[in-house]
Protein backbone atom coordinates (compact mmCIF):
# COMPACT_ATOMS: atom_id res chain seq x y z
CA MET A 1 0.00 0.00 0.00
CA GLN A 2 1.22 3.46 -0.88
CA VAL A 3 0.03 6.93 0.12
CA LEU A 4 0.97 10.20 -1.54
CA MET A 5 1.11 12.99 1.04
CA VAL A 6 0.96 16.39 -0.66
CA VAL A 7 2.25 19.12 1.66
CA THR A 8 2.35 22.88 1.19
CA ALA A 9 5.66 24.49 0.28
CA ALA A 10 4.42 27.99 1.18
CA ASP A 11 6.01 29.68 4.20
CA ARG A 12 4.06 32.92 3.72
CA LEU A 13 0.39 33.69 3.14
CA LYS A 14 -0.57 37.07 1.72
CA LEU A 15 -3.41 38.55 3.76
CA ARG A 16 -6.20 40.85 2.59
CA ASP A 17 -4.42 43.93 3.90
CA GLY A 18 -1.35 43.16 1.80
CA THR A 19 0.82 41.96 4.66
CA ALA A 20 2.19 38.42 4.86
CA LYS A 21 1.65 35.87 7.61
CA LYS A 22 4.32 33.28 8.36
CA THR A 23 2.84 29.88 7.73
CA GLY A 24 3.59 26.35 6.49
CA TYR A 25 2.11 22.97 7.31
CA TRP A 26 0.59 22.26 10.73
CA ALA A 27 2.80 19.85 12.65
CA GLU A 28 0.12 17.56 14.08
CA GLU A 29 -1.56 17.14 10.70
CA VAL A 30 1.61 15.72 9.14
CA ALA A 31 3.26 13.98 12.09
CA VAL A 32 0.27 12.05 13.43
CA PRO A 33 -1.02 10.61 10.13
CA HIS A 34 2.47 9.94 8.80
CA GLU A 35 3.42 8.01 11.95
CA LEU A 36 0.18 6.01 11.91
CA PHE A 37 0.70 5.12 8.25
CA HIS A 38 4.32 4.19 8.88
CA LYS A 39 3.49 1.95 11.84
CA ALA A 40 0.83 0.20 9.73
CA GLY A 41 3.41 -0.62 7.07
CA VAL A 42 2.11 1.84 4.48
CA ALA A 43 4.71 3.42 2.22
CA ILE A 44 4.49 7.23 2.13
CA ASP A 45 5.85 9.56 -0.53
CA VAL A 46 5.84 13.29 0.19
CA ALA A 47 5.36 15.79 -2.63
CA THR A 48 5.18 19.58 -2.72
CA PRO A 49 4.69 22.17 -5.45
CA GLY A 50 8.02 22.51 -7.20
CA GLY A 51 9.61 19.84 -5.02
CA ARG A 52 10.54 22.53 -2.52
CA ALA A 53 11.25 21.61 1.12
CA ALA A 54 8.08 21.69 3.21
CA PRO A 55 8.16 24.39 5.92
CA VAL A 56 6.51 23.75 9.27
CA ASP A 57 4.44 26.48 10.85
CA GLU A 58 6.45 27.04 14.02
CA THR A 59 3.30 28.14 15.84
CA SER A 60 2.13 24.53 15.60
CA LEU A 61 5.17 23.44 17.60
CA THR A 62 4.44 25.54 20.66
CA PRO A 63 3.09 24.03 23.89
CA GLU A 64 0.20 26.55 23.79
CA MET A 65 -1.09 24.97 20.56
CA ASN A 66 -0.71 21.45 21.92
CA GLY A 67 -2.62 21.57 25.18
CA GLY A 68 0.45 22.69 27.10
CA ASN A 69 2.08 19.32 26.42
CA SER A 70 5.80 19.92 25.87
CA ASP A 71 6.46 16.19 25.47
CA LYS A 72 4.04 16.05 22.55
CA VAL A 73 5.78 19.03 20.94
CA ALA A 74 9.18 17.39 21.37
CA HIS A 75 7.88 14.17 19.80
CA TYR A 76 6.36 16.01 16.82
CA ARG A 77 9.57 17.92 16.20
CA GLN A 78 11.74 14.82 16.44
CA TYR A 79 9.43 12.78 14.22
CA LEU A 80 9.09 15.51 11.59
CA ASP A 81 12.87 15.93 11.50
CA SER A 82 13.15 12.23 10.70
CA ILE A 83 10.95 12.44 7.59
CA GLU A 84 13.38 12.75 4.71
CA GLY A 85 10.53 13.46 2.31
CA LEU A 86 9.79 16.79 3.98
CA LYS A 87 13.36 17.92 3.28
CA HIS A 88 13.62 16.45 -0.21
CA PRO A 89 10.07 15.93 -1.49
CA LEU A 90 8.96 14.83 -4.92
CA ALA A 91 7.86 17.59 -7.30
CA LEU A 92 4.08 17.55 -7.55
CA GLU A 93 4.27 18.61 -11.19
CA GLU A 94 6.18 15.43 -12.09
CA LEU A 95 3.41 13.16 -10.79
CA ASN A 96 0.73 14.09 -13.29
CA GLY A 97 -0.72 11.56 -15.74
CA ASP A 98 -0.28 7.90 -14.90
CA ARG A 99 2.69 8.49 -12.60
CA ALA A 100 0.34 8.88 -9.63
CA ASP A 101 -1.58 5.70 -10.40
CA LYS A 102 0.60 3.59 -8.11
CA TYR A 103 -0.83 5.30 -5.02
CA ASP A 104 -3.83 3.92 -3.13
CA ALA A 105 -4.63 7.25 -1.47
CA ILE A 106 -3.70 10.91 -1.52
CA PHE A 107 -3.48 12.77 1.79
CA LEU A 108 -3.61 16.57 2.09
CA PRO A 109 -2.63 18.00 5.51
CA GLY A 110 -3.33 21.59 6.38
CA GLY A 111 -1.85 24.62 7.99
CA HIS A 112 -2.62 27.93 6.29
CA GLY A 113 0.01 27.21 3.62
CA PRO A 114 -2.41 25.36 1.28
CA LEU A 115 -4.38 28.62 0.93
CA ALA A 116 -1.30 30.02 -0.82
CA ASP A 117 -0.22 27.19 -3.13
CA LEU A 118 -2.29 23.99 -3.17
CA VAL A 119 -5.48 25.94 -3.82
CA CYS A 120 -4.23 27.04 -7.24
CA SER A 121 -2.29 23.93 -8.31
CA GLY A 122 -3.71 22.59 -11.53
CA ASP A 123 -1.36 19.62 -11.28
CA LEU A 124 -2.77 18.72 -7.87
CA GLY A 125 -6.29 19.14 -9.21
CA ASP A 126 -5.55 16.72 -12.03
CA ILE A 127 -4.06 14.14 -9.66
CA VAL A 128 -6.97 14.39 -7.23
CA ARG A 129 -9.49 14.09 -10.03
CA ARG A 130 -7.68 11.10 -11.55
CA MET A 131 -7.64 9.35 -8.18
CA GLN A 132 -11.31 10.10 -7.61
CA VAL A 133 -12.28 8.64 -10.99
CA SER A 134 -10.14 5.56 -10.26
CA GLY A 135 -11.90 4.96 -6.94
CA LYS A 136 -8.79 5.77 -4.90
CA LEU A 137 -9.05 7.44 -1.48
CA VAL A 138 -8.86 11.24 -1.36
CA VAL A 139 -8.14 12.42 2.18
CA ALA A 140 -7.76 15.97 3.54
CA VAL A 141 -7.74 17.61 6.96
CA CYS A 142 -8.22 21.16 8.27
CA HIS A 143 -7.03 23.55 5.50
CA GLY A 144 -5.94 20.59 3.39
CA PRO A 145 -9.31 20.57 1.56
CA ALA A 146 -8.13 23.76 -0.15
CA GLY A 147 -6.22 21.31 -2.34
CA LEU A 148 -9.54 19.83 -3.50
CA LEU A 149 -10.64 23.13 -5.04
CA PRO A 150 -8.67 22.81 -8.32
CA ALA A 151 -10.14 19.35 -9.03
CA VAL A 152 -12.49 20.08 -11.90
CA ARG A 153 -14.42 17.70 -14.15
CA GLU A 154 -14.31 17.82 -17.94
CA ASP A 155 -17.63 19.69 -17.97
CA GLY A 156 -16.07 22.44 -15.83
CA ARG A 157 -17.90 21.58 -12.63
CA TRP A 158 -16.16 20.93 -9.35
CA ALA A 159 -15.34 17.24 -8.83
CA PHE A 160 -16.77 17.12 -5.30
CA GLU A 161 -20.01 18.97 -5.91
CA GLY A 162 -22.72 17.37 -3.77
CA TYR A 163 -20.25 15.55 -1.50
CA ARG A 164 -20.53 15.65 2.27
CA LEU A 165 -17.29 16.99 3.71
CA THR A 166 -15.72 19.18 6.36
CA ALA A 167 -12.70 21.46 6.79
CA PHE A 168 -11.47 24.26 9.06
CA THR A 169 -14.64 26.20 9.81
CA ASN A 170 -15.47 29.90 9.71
CA GLU A 171 -15.91 29.79 13.48
CA GLU A 172 -12.47 28.28 14.01
CA GLU A 173 -10.96 30.89 11.69
CA ARG A 174 -12.67 33.58 13.75
CA GLN A 175 -11.34 32.13 16.99
CA VAL A 176 -7.75 32.28 15.74
CA GLY A 177 -8.30 35.90 14.70
CA LEU A 178 -7.90 35.40 10.95
CA ALA A 179 -11.47 35.38 9.62
CA GLU A 180 -11.17 38.97 8.39
CA LYS A 181 -7.59 38.55 7.17
CA VAL A 182 -7.20 35.34 5.15
CA PRO A 183 -7.70 35.61 1.37
CA PHE A 184 -10.93 33.60 1.63
CA LEU A 185 -12.80 31.49 4.15
CA LEU A 186 -12.41 27.86 3.20
CA GLU A 187 -15.82 26.83 4.50
CA ASN A 188 -17.48 29.51 2.38
CA ARG A 189 -15.55 28.56 -0.75
CA LEU A 190 -16.41 24.88 -0.38
CA ARG A 191 -20.09 25.68 0.12
CA GLU A 192 -20.08 28.00 -2.91
CA LEU A 193 -18.76 25.17 -5.09
CA GLY A 194 -21.55 22.86 -3.98
CA ALA A 195 -20.16 20.92 -1.03
CA ASN A 196 -22.54 19.69 1.65
CA PHE A 197 -20.41 21.15 4.41
CA GLU A 198 -20.71 19.64 7.89
CA ALA A 199 -19.34 21.51 10.93
CA ASP A 200 -19.05 20.26 14.47
CA PRO A 201 -18.23 22.50 17.48
CA ALA A 202 -14.92 24.30 17.13
CA TRP A 203 -11.80 22.23 17.83
CA ALA A 204 -13.69 18.96 18.38
CA PRO A 205 -12.47 15.96 16.36
CA HIS A 206 -14.77 15.53 13.38
CA VAL A 207 -14.36 13.20 10.40
CA VAL A 208 -16.73 12.98 7.43
CA VAL A 209 -16.72 10.14 4.91
CA ASP A 210 -18.57 10.26 1.59
CA ARG A 211 -17.77 7.64 -1.02
CA THR A 212 -13.96 7.69 -1.35
CA LEU A 213 -13.56 11.17 0.15
CA ILE A 214 -12.41 11.41 3.79
CA THR A 215 -12.14 14.84 5.42
CA GLY A 216 -11.32 16.14 8.91
CA GLN A 217 -12.31 19.48 10.39
CA ASN A 218 -9.24 20.57 12.35
CA PRO A 219 -5.88 19.42 13.80
CA ALA A 220 -7.66 17.27 16.40
CA SER A 221 -9.16 15.28 13.52
CA SER A 222 -5.75 14.23 12.17
CA ALA A 223 -5.69 10.84 13.87
CA GLY A 224 -9.29 10.15 12.92
CA VAL A 225 -8.82 10.73 9.20
CA ALA A 226 -5.64 8.61 9.22
CA GLU A 227 -7.36 5.77 11.06
CA GLU A 228 -10.31 5.89 8.65
CA THR A 229 -7.88 5.82 5.73
CA LEU A 230 -6.13 2.75 7.14
CA ALA A 231 -9.44 1.04 7.74
CA ARG A 232 -10.46 1.64 4.11
CA LEU A 233 -7.10 0.31 2.95
CA GLY A 234 -7.49 -2.79 5.08
CA ALA A 235 -4.49 -1.98 7.24
CA ALA A 236 -4.33 -2.40 11.01
CA VAL A 237 -3.99 0.72 13.15
CA VAL A 238 -0.96 0.51 15.45
CA HIS A 239 -0.55 3.14 18.20
């Protein structure tokens, strides 16, 4: 079994006022699923736009963002440092066509970085659409579903129109103080394209499954989406 994990390469997000926010991928959303996949014996390739090294959002490696648990932060940092693919990822653009067919699932972690690069990647859109048509698993968590937006059908309609899904909510964006600053609200954009968006209370783990699409609402949903992915692949979850 093989999973393609597509991670943002953006370390800055341009805000509505023209300033830039430091960003990257969110530590928990890469470390937790990657470790669960690895322990289950699933092979993981990491890809980014341009094959650039994936930057972590340092805010996600603070105790304050991890329930005050410094041990958890230390584990995330150590584990992420051990993932060679984050330092030397595959180039997303080189995986188009049949070169992505070997993967059983594609996994899109979040952080605000995807709002800067994955959201506008036609190559990612083509890969996601190809995997959807082939019945492969498409998995995304938090802001990762921004990478679903460029997946468009031949008739020009969004590939996931009518699907039940979730992502980082407007309320959660408000609570982190960015609702009026980010280029767009992901929940709104997904609804506008025809998603049946499902939101649970802010910060609660929430996983939605519809056909071969698996989505998680926020960082706390990272383990849940990974476990659901493993279950669909027929792999045992090892903690």
